[in-house]
Protein backbone atom coordinates (compact mmCIF):
# COMPACT_ATOMS: atom_id res chain seq x y z
CA UNK A 1 -12.02 7.37 15.50
CA UNK A 2 -10.56 9.36 12.62
CA UNK A 3 -8.97 7.40 9.76
CA UNK A 4 -6.15 9.07 7.84
CA UNK A 5 -5.79 7.57 4.36
CA UNK A 6 -2.23 8.00 3.12
CA UNK A 7 -1.44 7.52 -0.58
CA UNK A 8 2.17 7.61 -1.84
CA UNK A 9 2.32 8.59 -5.52
CA UNK A 10 4.72 8.91 -8.40
CA UNK A 11 3.40 9.65 -11.91
CA UNK A 12 -0.08 8.33 -11.13
CA UNK A 13 -2.24 10.74 -13.12
CA UNK A 14 -3.99 7.81 -14.81
CA UNK A 15 -5.05 6.18 -11.53
CA UNK A 16 -5.25 8.79 -8.78
CA UNK A 17 -8.58 10.38 -9.78
CA UNK A 18 -10.43 7.05 -9.80
CA UNK A 19 -9.01 6.15 -6.38
CA UNK A 20 -9.80 9.52 -4.81
CA UNK A 21 -13.31 9.50 -6.26
CA UNK A 22 -13.94 6.06 -4.75
CA UNK A 23 -12.47 6.99 -1.36
CA UNK A 24 -14.49 10.20 -1.13
CA UNK A 25 -17.70 8.46 -2.22
CA UNK A 26 -17.42 5.76 0.44
CA UNK A 27 -16.17 8.04 3.22
CA UNK A 28 -18.74 10.80 2.80
CA UNK A 29 -20.04 11.95 6.18
CA UNK A 30 -17.48 9.90 8.08
CA UNK A 31 -14.39 10.90 10.08
CA UNK A 32 -11.78 10.52 7.35
CA UNK A 33 -8.95 12.61 5.91
CA UNK A 34 -7.13 11.80 2.67
CA UNK A 35 -3.45 12.63 2.24
CA UNK A 36 -1.52 12.29 -1.04
CA UNK A 37 2.27 12.33 -0.63
CA UNK A 38 4.05 12.67 -3.96
CA UNK A 39 7.54 11.51 -4.83
CA UNK A 40 8.36 14.12 -7.48
CA UNK A 41 5.92 13.25 -10.26
CA UNK A 42 6.52 14.65 -13.74
CA UNK A 43 2.87 14.40 -14.75
CA UNK A 44 -0.38 15.86 -13.39
CA UNK A 45 -0.67 13.64 -10.29
CA UNK A 46 -0.53 16.52 -7.80
CA UNK A 47 -2.86 18.66 -9.92
CA UNK A 48 -5.43 15.86 -9.97
CA UNK A 49 -5.11 15.47 -6.18
CA UNK A 50 -5.44 19.20 -5.56
CA UNK A 51 -8.55 19.39 -7.75
CA UNK A 52 -10.05 16.53 -5.73
CA UNK A 53 -9.75 18.69 -2.61
CA UNK A 54 -7.54 16.39 -0.56
CA UNK A 55 -4.40 17.18 1.43
CA UNK A 56 -1.39 16.83 -0.87
CA UNK A 57 2.28 17.68 -0.73
CA UNK A 58 5.65 16.55 -2.07
CA UNK A 59 7.94 14.49 0.12
CA UNK A 60 11.53 15.58 0.73
CA UNK A 61 12.72 11.98 0.30
CA UNK A 62 11.58 10.37 -2.95
CA UNK A 63 10.82 6.79 -1.97
CA UNK A 64 7.58 5.18 -0.92
CA UNK A 65 8.65 4.30 2.62
CA UNK A 66 9.66 7.90 3.34
CA UNK A 67 6.54 9.29 1.66
CA UNK A 68 4.28 7.14 3.82
CA UNK A 69 6.15 8.23 6.94
CA UNK A 70 5.76 11.86 5.89
CA UNK A 71 2.03 11.30 5.45
CA UNK A 72 1.81 9.68 8.89
CA UNK A 73 3.53 12.71 10.45
CA UNK A 74 0.99 15.03 8.83
CA UNK A 75 -1.97 12.80 9.73
CA UNK A 76 -4.41 13.72 12.49
CA UNK A 77 -6.18 10.36 12.58
CA UNK A 78 -6.20 7.67 15.25
CA UNK A 79 -5.83 5.05 12.49
CA UNK A 80 -3.49 5.25 9.52
CA UNK A 81 -4.56 3.53 6.30
CA UNK A 82 -1.89 3.19 3.59
CA UNK A 83 -3.22 2.73 0.06
CA UNK A 84 -1.35 2.41 -3.23
CA UNK A 85 -2.59 4.64 -6.04
CA UNK A 86 -3.59 1.69 -8.26
CA UNK A 87 -5.58 -0.14 -5.54
CA UNK A 88 -9.28 0.47 -4.80
CA UNK A 89 -10.46 -0.52 -1.28
CA UNK A 90 -13.86 -2.18 -0.83
CA UNK A 91 -16.81 0.19 -0.32
CA UNK A 92 -17.13 -0.81 3.36
CA UNK A 93 -13.44 -0.30 4.18
CA UNK A 94 -14.03 2.32 6.92
CA UNK A 95 -16.47 0.19 8.93
CA UNK A 96 -14.35 -2.93 8.30
CA UNK A 97 -11.21 -1.28 9.69
CA UNK A 98 -12.97 0.23 12.71
CA UNK A 99 -14.59 -3.11 13.52
CA UNK A 100 -11.24 -4.91 13.31
CA UNK A 101 -9.63 -2.38 15.66
CA UNK A 102 -12.54 -2.62 18.10
CA UNK A 103 -12.13 -6.40 18.09
CA UNK A 104 -8.52 -6.09 19.21
CA UNK A 105 -6.61 -6.09 15.92
CA UNK A 106 -4.63 -2.82 15.81
CA UNK A 107 -3.21 -3.56 12.36
CA UNK A 108 -4.13 -5.54 9.30
CA UNK A 109 -4.93 -5.63 5.61
CA UNK A 110 -7.50 -6.83 3.11
CA UNK A 111 -7.33 -9.63 0.58
CA UNK A 112 -7.20 -8.57 -3.06
CA UNK A 113 -8.33 -9.43 -6.54
CA UNK A 114 -6.95 -8.11 -9.82
CA UNK A 115 -8.93 -6.09 -12.35
CA UNK A 116 -8.24 -8.92 -14.77
CA UNK A 117 -9.76 -12.33 -15.53
CA UNK A 118 -6.37 -13.94 -16.12
CA UNK A 119 -6.65 -17.39 -14.44
CA UNK A 120 -3.13 -17.27 -12.99
CA UNK A 121 -3.81 -13.89 -11.40
CA UNK A 122 -6.87 -15.43 -9.76
CA UNK A 123 -4.53 -17.94 -8.10
CA UNK A 124 -2.34 -15.10 -6.83
CA UNK A 125 -5.40 -13.34 -5.45
CA UNK A 126 -6.68 -16.50 -3.74
CA UNK A 127 -3.41 -16.83 -1.83
CA UNK A 128 -3.90 -13.45 -0.14
CA UNK A 129 -6.36 -15.05 2.29
CA UNK A 130 -3.57 -17.03 3.94
CA UNK A 131 -1.67 -15.80 7.00
CA UNK A 132 1.82 -16.14 5.54
CA UNK A 133 4.29 -13.31 5.03
CA UNK A 134 4.88 -14.39 1.43
CA UNK A 135 1.17 -13.75 0.77
CA UNK A 136 1.34 -10.14 1.95
CA UNK A 137 2.20 -6.92 0.13
CA UNK A 138 1.39 -3.23 -0.08
CA UNK A 139 -1.23 -3.75 -2.79
CA UNK A 140 -3.52 -5.25 -0.14
CA UNK A 141 -3.43 -1.87 1.66
CA UNK A 142 -2.45 -1.66 5.34
CA UNK A 143 -4.23 -0.17 8.33
CA UNK A 144 -2.51 0.42 11.67
CA UNK A 145 -3.32 2.49 14.73
CA UNK A 146 -1.19 5.59 14.94
CA UNK A 147 -0.03 4.63 18.44
CA UNK A 148 1.30 1.24 17.27
CA UNK A 149 2.86 2.82 14.17
CA UNK A 150 4.70 5.29 16.42
CA UNK A 151 5.87 2.57 18.82
CA UNK A 152 7.30 0.59 15.92
CA UNK A 153 9.04 3.62 14.44
CA UNK A 154 6.99 3.54 11.22
CA UNK A 155 8.42 2.41 7.91
CA UNK A 156 12.16 2.33 7.52
CA UNK A 157 13.08 5.44 5.53
CA UNK A 158 16.17 3.70 4.16
CA UNK A 159 14.08 0.96 2.51
CA UNK A 160 13.72 1.34 -1.25
CA UNK A 161 11.79 -1.91 -1.63
CA UNK A 162 10.08 -4.51 0.62
CA UNK A 163 9.16 -1.83 3.16
CA UNK A 164 5.72 -3.38 3.68
CA UNK A 165 7.11 -6.80 4.52
CA UNK A 166 9.49 -5.31 7.06
CA UNK A 167 6.74 -3.37 8.83
CA UNK A 168 4.29 -6.29 8.80
CA UNK A 169 6.90 -8.58 10.34
CA UNK A 170 7.46 -6.05 13.13
CA UNK A 171 3.72 -5.65 13.65
CA UNK A 172 3.21 -9.41 13.95
CA UNK A 173 5.93 -9.61 16.60
CA UNK A 174 4.05 -7.08 18.76
CA UNK A 175 0.34 -7.24 18.00
CA UNK A 176 -2.57 -9.08 16.40
CA UNK A 177 -2.65 -8.67 12.60
CA UNK A 178 -6.04 -9.05 10.91
CA UNK A 179 -6.62 -10.15 7.30
CA UNK A 180 -10.07 -8.73 6.56
CA UNK A 181 -11.98 -11.14 4.27
CA UNK A 182 -12.92 -8.58 1.63
CA UNK A 183 -11.12 -7.63 -1.56
CA UNK A 184 -9.16 -4.59 -2.63
CA UNK A 185 -9.23 -4.25 -6.44
CA UNK A 186 -5.66 -4.09 -7.72
CA UNK A 187 -4.43 -3.05 -11.15
CA UNK A 188 -2.86 -5.82 -13.22
CA UNK A 189 -0.70 -3.29 -15.10
CA UNK A 190 2.60 -4.73 -13.87
CA UNK A 191 1.66 -8.10 -15.37
CA UNK A 192 0.36 -6.52 -18.57
CA UNK A 193 3.53 -4.47 -19.06
CA UNK A 194 5.73 -7.51 -18.53
CA UNK A 195 4.22 -11.00 -18.36
CA UNK A 196 3.05 -13.35 -15.64
CA UNK A 197 6.17 -15.52 -15.56
CA UNK A 198 8.56 -12.55 -15.47
CA UNK A 199 6.70 -10.87 -12.62
CA UNK A 200 6.42 -14.07 -10.60
CA UNK A 201 10.11 -14.80 -11.10
CA UNK A 202 11.08 -11.27 -10.08
CA UNK A 203 8.83 -11.33 -7.01
CA UNK A 204 10.12 -14.69 -5.82
CA UNK A 205 13.76 -13.80 -6.49
CA UNK A 206 13.62 -10.50 -4.58
CA UNK A 207 11.55 -12.04 -1.78
CA UNK A 208 14.18 -14.73 -1.21
CA UNK A 209 17.04 -12.22 -1.48
CA UNK A 210 15.32 -10.08 1.14
CA UNK A 211 15.17 -12.95 3.61
CA UNK A 212 18.75 -13.90 2.83
CA UNK A 213 19.72 -10.42 4.02
CA UNK A 214 20.74 -8.80 0.73
CA UNK A 215 21.14 -5.03 0.73
CA UNK A 216 18.36 -2.68 -0.34
CA UNK A 217 20.50 -1.49 -3.23
CA UNK A 218 20.97 -5.05 -4.49
CA UNK A 219 17.27 -5.84 -4.13
CA UNK A 220 16.26 -2.72 -6.03
CA UNK A 221 18.87 -3.29 -8.74
CA UNK A 222 17.76 -6.89 -9.24
CA UNK A 223 14.07 -6.01 -9.43
CA UNK A 224 14.72 -3.22 -11.92
CA UNK A 225 16.77 -5.56 -14.10
CA UNK A 226 14.09 -8.24 -14.15
CA UNK A 227 11.09 -6.03 -14.87
CA UNK A 228 10.00 -2.98 -16.82
CA UNK A 229 8.59 -0.74 -14.08
CA UNK A 230 7.98 2.83 -13.03
CA UNK A 231 9.60 4.01 -9.79
CA UNK A 232 7.17 2.00 -7.66
């Protein structure tokens, strides 16, 4: 099985090199390809990716859902593995994913922990072990067989936000979804740039609005108003 690792980026020059170095180190000698799909960065993200020797290109549509779909179209792997630029998968991620697929789980994610000792962030991380949609998110990374991804139609290109929740819900309606009991290391930068209470309030507000059926435009506008954030 070939695993295609797909990384959507936007102004990630400070994180992309560390991620690519880790991925290449732990995939050396294995059937893996790494694809960086950029959303129009104004910094050296693409230069860093090119120097790392991975596949990289700029997406026509500049939103994460569309970038990940573009990466999936370019991918040659049997398994797609979507990773955010500020998340570092565990060293054994390749074997973990292949084992999960062999055991009959064509899609799934890892748990996570933050690169911070903040006690409240440890509570957030602990919750990622539970099989509840509110405990999911793109930071945990997502693997899915290419055949299932194609049957589901991939991510919704029109989604500006909450694209991971939408896809995971559709996966769980069709197949077994595995939460692998190992941790992705996730940057705490969103909490450091804002504060814990603001981020939690924004996350909960947008999560509830999503399930109430609010439009993508309204969700994105609300999230942007509540937090100081880059594009993603």
